[in-house]
């Protein structure tokens, strides 16, 4: 797609699952990112096809528009 590109990036350490922007007037430049990572369950060591543990985080970002946008 022409004209599409990143204006901001962040290294989160986890896989990004969802991004939601604030719908409240005056706060549209705030977003929350849901992150998760699948990890082996230490209690299920040696169990074939053991389910993974999902650990996660929520990150909140304030991304105000810049003058050159």
Protein backbone atom coordinates (compact mmCIF):
# COMPACT_ATOMS: atom_id res chain seq x y z
CA UNK A 1 0.00 0.00 0.00
CA UNK A 2 1.42 3.31 -1.00
CA UNK A 3 1.48 6.00 1.66
CA UNK A 4 1.23 3.62 4.63
CA UNK A 5 4.08 3.45 7.10
CA UNK A 6 4.97 3.36 10.76
CA UNK A 7 5.05 6.68 12.58
CA UNK A 8 6.07 5.10 15.88
CA UNK A 9 7.35 1.71 17.07
CA UNK A 10 8.07 0.06 20.41
CA UNK A 11 9.80 -3.12 21.49
CA UNK A 12 7.45 -4.82 23.94
CA UNK A 13 9.11 -8.20 24.45
CA UNK A 14 5.74 -9.94 24.06
CA UNK A 15 3.47 -10.62 21.09
CA UNK A 16 0.96 -7.82 20.47
CA UNK A 17 -2.58 -9.19 20.46
CA UNK A 18 -4.83 -6.12 20.45
CA UNK A 19 -4.65 -2.34 20.18
CA UNK A 20 -7.51 -0.13 21.31
CA UNK A 21 -7.66 3.65 20.98
CA UNK A 22 -9.54 5.75 23.52
CA UNK A 23 -12.90 6.91 22.09
CA UNK A 24 -13.33 9.77 24.60
CA UNK A 25 -13.15 13.23 23.04
CA UNK A 26 -9.87 14.89 23.95
CA UNK A 27 -8.14 11.57 24.70
CA UNK A 28 -8.03 10.08 21.19
CA UNK A 29 -4.21 10.08 21.29
CA UNK A 30 -4.13 7.42 24.05
CA UNK A 31 -4.11 3.70 23.33
CA UNK A 32 -3.82 0.42 25.21
CA UNK A 33 -1.93 -2.56 23.78
CA UNK A 34 -2.66 -6.09 24.98
CA UNK A 35 0.40 -8.36 24.90
CA UNK A 36 0.92 -12.03 25.61
CA UNK A 37 3.53 -14.76 25.45
CA UNK A 38 3.08 -18.53 25.55
CA UNK A 39 5.39 -20.33 27.97
CA UNK A 40 5.93 -23.94 28.98
CA UNK A 41 4.23 -24.95 32.22
CA UNK A 42 7.00 -26.09 34.60
CA UNK A 43 4.48 -28.34 36.39
CA UNK A 44 3.74 -30.18 33.14
CA UNK A 45 7.35 -31.00 32.30
CA UNK A 46 7.54 -34.21 30.30
CA UNK A 47 3.79 -34.29 29.57
CA UNK A 48 3.14 -34.76 25.87
CA UNK A 49 0.98 -32.01 24.31
CA UNK A 50 0.77 -30.14 27.63
CA UNK A 51 -1.06 -26.82 27.31
CA UNK A 52 1.03 -23.66 27.40
CA UNK A 53 0.74 -20.94 29.98
CA UNK A 54 -0.30 -17.56 28.65
CA UNK A 55 1.28 -14.62 30.42
CA UNK A 56 0.38 -11.10 29.46
CA UNK A 57 0.67 -7.39 29.97
CA UNK A 58 -1.22 -4.22 29.17
CA UNK A 59 0.76 -1.21 27.98
CA UNK A 60 -0.72 2.29 27.84
CA UNK A 61 0.72 4.80 25.36
CA UNK A 62 0.18 8.50 24.78
CA UNK A 63 0.90 9.28 21.12
CA UNK A 64 0.07 12.92 20.39
CA UNK A 65 0.04 14.03 16.76
CA UNK A 66 3.11 15.92 15.64
CA UNK A 67 3.14 19.09 13.58
CA UNK A 68 4.49 17.32 10.46
CA UNK A 69 1.61 14.83 10.17
